[in-house]
């Protein structure tokens, strides 16, 4: 089964839902960045939230999530857009911590205390930026708090990444439920009760459930509106790297030639390396 996203509604449109399977995306990130299990979980949870938040955008709009804690993982950065494309990285992909008191990957310990920021490029003069203090570091709770405080939308966010013993990603996914005006107290209480008893998303996925099944465990009357593909996609290219090198100016490029006779640029988001030999650097100088 490939990664995908579903949009759904329930209670006559008074609840909207997004759910994603991100197993392939998170495994691609793990492979590219060589992340440890706890870094894979932290990056994967953030990317899972990001791709769902990207689905809330339109057209060419895009967003960037920054989780800036004081833990050993450093910063987590994820980019996503309305086309179902997502990419991301962590400052320290090799961070390794003991399991937490519950015997789980210690994502909160890796993240630490700090702030979560979301910057949206909506095609306006200035981007929108919202932020909240990190409340748990487990990230699901943090995104729930973000929606409540920064977007004034009561939400429930569940995120999960299950890492196998060989460090590969076994399952990854999540959902966002957003309560819109008009829901009764009884309906809200029903959802809260089901969420409280819901097994982790990764447990359900490992048992063979799809994302539609997961949503129906929470909301009986859920109606799926759309199912779409999602994917890891970086925006870097050799042409963009060349423009960046040229923007450094003649002095910088000549210094590269004098000191090394070559240059290599590595993309933060996908870890792709772009190498330039002496002749190629001279060609860039000719374009200045």
Protein backbone atom coordinates (compact mmCIF):
# COMPACT_ATOMS: atom_id res chain seq x y z
CA UNK A 1 0.00 0.00 0.00
CA UNK A 2 1.36 3.41 -1.00
CA UNK A 3 1.17 6.54 1.11
CA UNK A 4 -2.03 8.53 0.79
CA UNK A 5 -4.17 11.19 2.43
CA UNK A 6 -7.90 11.27 2.94
CA UNK A 7 -10.19 14.21 3.64
CA UNK A 8 -13.39 13.41 5.43
CA UNK A 9 -16.31 14.96 7.25
CA UNK A 10 -18.89 13.91 9.83
CA UNK A 11 -21.82 15.21 11.84
CA UNK A 12 -23.27 17.02 8.85
CA UNK A 13 -20.08 18.93 8.15
CA UNK A 14 -19.53 20.04 11.73
CA UNK A 15 -16.37 17.94 11.97
CA UNK A 16 -13.63 17.74 9.39
CA UNK A 17 -10.88 15.16 9.35
CA UNK A 18 -7.58 14.49 7.65
CA UNK A 19 -5.78 11.16 7.88
CA UNK A 20 -2.55 9.95 6.30
CA UNK A 21 -0.40 6.91 5.86
CA UNK A 22 3.21 8.18 5.68
CA UNK A 23 5.24 4.97 5.99
CA UNK A 24 7.07 5.35 2.67
CA UNK A 25 7.72 9.08 3.18
CA UNK A 26 9.24 8.61 6.62
CA UNK A 27 11.31 5.65 5.48
CA UNK A 28 12.65 7.80 2.62
CA UNK A 29 13.63 10.48 5.12
CA UNK A 30 15.26 7.89 7.39
CA UNK A 31 17.25 6.47 4.50
CA UNK A 32 18.40 9.85 3.23
CA UNK A 33 19.39 11.28 6.62
CA UNK A 34 20.50 8.11 8.40
CA UNK A 35 18.33 8.88 11.42
CA UNK A 36 18.35 6.86 14.62
CA UNK A 37 14.99 5.44 15.77
CA UNK A 38 14.18 8.37 18.06
CA UNK A 39 15.13 10.92 15.38
CA UNK A 40 13.08 8.96 12.82
CA UNK A 41 10.06 9.12 15.14
CA UNK A 42 10.44 12.85 15.82
CA UNK A 43 10.96 13.78 12.16
CA UNK A 44 8.27 11.35 11.01
CA UNK A 45 5.65 12.69 13.40
CA UNK A 46 6.39 16.26 12.33
CA UNK A 47 6.28 15.34 8.63
CA UNK A 48 3.00 13.50 9.15
CA UNK A 49 1.47 16.60 10.71
CA UNK A 50 2.99 18.73 7.97
CA UNK A 51 1.50 16.83 5.07
CA UNK A 52 -1.98 17.04 6.64
CA UNK A 53 -1.57 20.76 7.31
CA UNK A 54 -0.41 21.18 3.72
CA UNK A 55 -3.70 19.62 2.62
CA UNK A 56 -5.49 22.51 4.32
CA UNK A 57 -3.82 24.92 1.87
CA UNK A 58 -4.69 25.75 -1.75
CA UNK A 59 -2.90 26.10 -5.06
CA UNK A 60 0.73 27.14 -4.68
CA UNK A 61 0.50 27.81 -0.95
CA UNK A 62 3.06 26.13 1.30
CA UNK A 63 4.10 26.01 4.93
CA UNK A 64 7.16 25.41 7.06
CA UNK A 65 7.09 23.83 10.52
CA UNK A 66 9.97 24.48 12.92
CA UNK A 67 10.21 22.61 16.20
CA UNK A 68 12.90 24.51 18.11
CA UNK A 69 13.53 22.71 21.38
CA UNK A 70 16.58 22.61 23.59
CA UNK A 71 16.89 18.82 23.40
CA UNK A 72 19.76 16.94 21.73
CA UNK A 73 17.93 16.51 18.41
CA UNK A 74 18.17 20.25 17.79
CA UNK A 75 15.76 21.82 15.34
CA UNK A 76 13.19 19.82 13.33
CA UNK A 77 12.20 21.48 10.05
CA UNK A 78 9.46 20.28 7.69
CA UNK A 79 8.19 21.89 4.47
CA UNK A 80 4.84 20.88 2.95
CA UNK A 81 2.50 22.20 0.30
CA UNK A 82 -1.01 21.83 -1.07
CA UNK A 83 0.17 19.30 -3.68
CA UNK A 84 0.84 16.54 -1.14
CA UNK A 85 4.61 17.07 -1.19
CA UNK A 86 6.68 17.09 1.99
CA UNK A 87 10.35 17.17 2.96
CA UNK A 88 12.23 17.64 6.21
CA UNK A 89 15.34 17.23 8.34
CA UNK A 90 16.63 17.37 11.91
CA UNK A 91 19.80 19.08 13.08
CA UNK A 92 21.15 15.95 14.78
CA UNK A 93 19.95 12.80 12.98
CA UNK A 94 22.26 10.58 15.06
CA UNK A 95 20.82 11.47 18.48
CA UNK A 96 20.33 8.35 20.57
CA UNK A 97 18.50 8.13 23.90
CA UNK A 98 17.34 5.31 26.19
CA UNK A 99 13.67 4.35 26.03
CA UNK A 100 11.39 6.42 28.24
CA UNK A 101 9.63 5.19 31.39
CA UNK A 102 6.88 3.61 29.27
CA UNK A 103 9.38 1.67 27.19
CA UNK A 104 8.81 3.89 24.15
CA UNK A 105 11.13 6.01 22.03
CA UNK A 106 11.88 9.15 24.04
CA UNK A 107 10.78 11.75 21.49
CA UNK A 108 10.00 14.29 24.23
CA UNK A 109 13.49 13.89 25.66
CA UNK A 110 15.03 14.37 22.21
CA UNK A 111 12.95 17.50 21.51
CA UNK A 112 13.18 19.18 24.92
CA UNK A 113 11.55 22.50 25.79
CA UNK A 114 11.12 25.41 23.43
CA UNK A 115 8.72 26.54 20.73
CA UNK A 116 6.84 25.18 17.72
CA UNK A 117 6.40 27.60 14.82
CA UNK A 118 4.31 27.33 11.65
CA UNK A 119 4.98 29.76 8.80
CA UNK A 120 2.50 29.82 5.92
CA UNK A 121 3.25 31.34 2.53
CA UNK A 122 -0.25 32.17 1.30
CA UNK A 123 0.85 34.35 -1.60
CA UNK A 124 0.29 37.52 0.40
CA UNK A 125 2.74 40.36 0.99
CA UNK A 126 3.88 38.87 4.30
CA UNK A 127 3.76 35.22 5.39
CA UNK A 128 1.61 34.20 8.34
CA UNK A 129 3.54 32.92 11.35
CA UNK A 130 2.06 31.31 14.42
CA UNK A 131 3.84 29.75 17.36
CA UNK A 132 3.27 28.08 20.70
CA UNK A 133 5.45 26.84 23.54
CA UNK A 134 6.19 23.12 23.31
CA UNK A 135 3.84 21.55 25.84
CA UNK A 136 4.99 17.93 25.82
CA UNK A 137 7.56 17.30 23.10
CA UNK A 138 5.65 14.22 21.98
CA UNK A 139 4.42 16.44 19.13
CA UNK A 140 0.85 15.16 18.79
CA UNK A 141 -0.13 17.13 21.89
CA UNK A 142 1.92 20.08 20.68
CA UNK A 143 0.11 20.31 17.35
CA UNK A 144 -3.22 19.95 19.17
CA UNK A 145 -2.22 22.95 21.30
CA UNK A 146 -1.06 24.86 18.21
CA UNK A 147 -4.45 24.54 16.50
CA UNK A 148 -6.29 25.61 19.65
CA UNK A 149 -4.10 28.61 20.42
CA UNK A 150 -2.82 29.86 17.05
CA UNK A 151 -5.75 28.98 14.78
CA UNK A 152 -8.56 28.91 17.37
CA UNK A 153 -9.74 25.55 16.07
CA UNK A 154 -10.41 22.82 18.67
CA UNK A 155 -8.61 19.78 17.27
CA UNK A 156 -7.37 16.33 18.11
CA UNK A 157 -4.04 15.33 16.57
CA UNK A 158 -2.66 11.78 16.62
CA UNK A 159 0.79 11.04 15.16
CA UNK A 160 2.78 7.83 15.21
CA UNK A 161 5.89 6.18 13.79
CA UNK A 162 6.74 2.54 14.48
CA UNK A 163 10.40 1.69 13.90
CA UNK A 164 11.41 -1.94 13.31
CA UNK A 165 14.37 -3.63 14.98
CA UNK A 166 16.50 -3.04 11.87
CA UNK A 167 15.75 0.73 12.22
CA UNK A 168 13.52 0.83 9.13
CA UNK A 169 10.03 2.32 9.36
CA UNK A 170 7.39 -0.35 9.87
CA UNK A 171 4.35 1.95 9.91
CA UNK A 172 3.72 5.66 10.11
CA UNK A 173 0.59 7.76 10.01
CA UNK A 174 -1.79 10.03 11.83
CA UNK A 175 -4.98 12.03 11.78
CA UNK A 176 -6.34 15.48 12.61
CA UNK A 177 -9.95 15.95 13.73
CA UNK A 178 -11.23 19.52 13.81
CA UNK A 179 -14.44 20.50 15.56
CA UNK A 180 -16.42 23.21 13.77
CA UNK A 181 -19.17 25.36 15.27
CA UNK A 182 -22.50 23.60 15.85
CA UNK A 183 -21.43 20.32 17.43
CA UNK A 184 -23.38 19.39 20.55
CA UNK A 185 -21.77 18.66 23.90
CA UNK A 186 -22.97 15.05 23.59
CA UNK A 187 -21.28 14.60 20.21
CA UNK A 188 -18.05 16.11 21.50
CA UNK A 189 -18.15 13.86 24.58
CA UNK A 190 -18.67 10.81 22.35
CA UNK A 191 -15.57 11.65 20.28
CA UNK A 192 -13.49 12.35 23.38
CA UNK A 193 -14.46 8.98 24.88
CA UNK A 194 -13.50 7.11 21.72
CA UNK A 195 -10.20 8.97 21.43
CA UNK A 196 -9.37 8.08 25.03
CA UNK A 197 -9.76 4.36 24.26
CA UNK A 198 -8.22 4.38 20.78
CA UNK A 199 -5.04 2.29 20.40
CA UNK A 200 -2.03 4.08 18.90
CA UNK A 201 -2.34 4.75 15.17
CA UNK A 202 0.75 2.62 14.50
CA UNK A 203 -0.83 -0.33 16.33
CA UNK A 204 -3.92 -0.13 14.14
CA UNK A 205 -1.84 0.20 10.96
CA UNK A 206 0.36 -2.74 11.97
CA UNK A 207 -2.79 -4.81 12.43
CA UNK A 208 -3.77 -4.09 8.83
CA UNK A 209 -6.18 -1.18 9.25
CA UNK A 210 -6.26 1.57 6.64
CA UNK A 211 -6.78 5.23 7.46
CA UNK A 212 -10.50 5.02 6.73
CA UNK A 213 -10.76 2.25 9.33
CA UNK A 214 -8.84 4.38 11.84
CA UNK A 215 -11.21 7.34 11.42
CA UNK A 216 -14.26 5.10 11.74
CA UNK A 217 -12.95 3.88 15.09
CA UNK A 218 -13.42 7.45 16.31
CA UNK A 219 -16.39 8.70 14.26
CA UNK A 220 -19.03 6.21 13.10
CA UNK A 221 -20.60 8.60 10.61
CA UNK A 222 -17.41 9.66 8.84
CA UNK A 223 -17.79 10.33 5.11
CA UNK A 224 -14.63 10.27 2.97
CA UNK A 225 -14.62 13.16 0.51
CA UNK A 226 -11.30 12.63 -1.25
CA UNK A 227 -8.31 10.32 -1.33
CA UNK A 228 -5.03 11.60 -2.79
CA UNK A 229 -1.40 10.54 -3.14
CA UNK A 230 1.31 12.12 -1.01
CA UNK A 231 5.07 11.86 -1.40
CA UNK A 232 8.49 12.95 -0.28
CA UNK A 233 9.61 15.66 -2.68
CA UNK A 234 12.51 18.05 -2.31
CA UNK A 235 12.58 21.38 -4.14
CA UNK A 236 16.35 21.41 -4.68
CA UNK A 237 17.95 21.01 -8.11
CA UNK A 238 21.33 21.54 -9.74
CA UNK A 239 20.01 24.72 -11.33
CA UNK A 240 18.98 26.14 -7.94
CA UNK A 241 22.34 25.25 -6.43
CA UNK A 242 24.13 26.98 -9.29
CA UNK A 243 22.06 30.12 -8.75
CA UNK A 244 23.01 30.01 -5.07
CA UNK A 245 26.71 29.64 -5.85
CA UNK A 246 26.58 32.49 -8.36
CA UNK A 247 24.84 34.68 -5.78
CA UNK A 248 27.88 34.25 -3.50
CA UNK A 249 29.86 36.38 -5.92
CA UNK A 250 33.17 36.18 -7.76
CA UNK A 251 35.39 36.43 -4.67
CA UNK A 252 33.78 33.43 -2.94
CA UNK A 253 33.98 31.20 -6.02
CA UNK A 254 37.60 32.17 -6.68
CA UNK A 255 38.41 31.33 -3.05
CA UNK A 256 36.89 27.85 -3.56
CA UNK A 257 39.10 27.38 -6.59
CA UNK A 258 42.23 28.49 -4.76
CA UNK A 259 41.64 26.45 -1.62
CA UNK A 260 40.08 23.23 -2.92
CA UNK A 261 39.73 23.44 -6.68
CA UNK A 262 36.20 22.13 -6.26
CA UNK A 263 33.00 22.59 -4.29
CA UNK A 264 30.21 20.44 -2.88
CA UNK A 265 26.80 21.63 -1.75
CA UNK A 266 24.57 19.31 0.30
CA UNK A 267 20.84 19.97 0.58
CA UNK A 268 19.62 20.05 4.19
CA UNK A 269 16.22 18.66 3.27
CA UNK A 270 17.14 15.63 1.17
CA UNK A 271 20.88 15.19 1.80
CA UNK A 272 21.54 15.23 -1.94
CA UNK A 273 25.11 16.29 -2.75
CA UNK A 274 25.89 18.51 -5.73
CA UNK A 275 29.57 18.42 -6.71
CA UNK A 276 31.38 20.99 -8.87
CA UNK A 277 34.85 20.42 -10.28
CA UNK A 278 37.35 23.10 -11.28
CA UNK A 279 36.04 23.44 -14.81
CA UNK A 280 32.44 23.76 -13.62
CA UNK A 281 33.39 26.48 -11.13
CA UNK A 282 35.18 28.40 -13.88
CA UNK A 283 32.01 28.09 -15.97
CA UNK A 284 30.04 29.66 -13.12
CA UNK A 285 32.53 32.55 -13.01
CA UNK A 286 31.93 33.17 -16.70
CA UNK A 287 28.23 33.62 -15.96
CA UNK A 288 28.89 36.47 -13.52
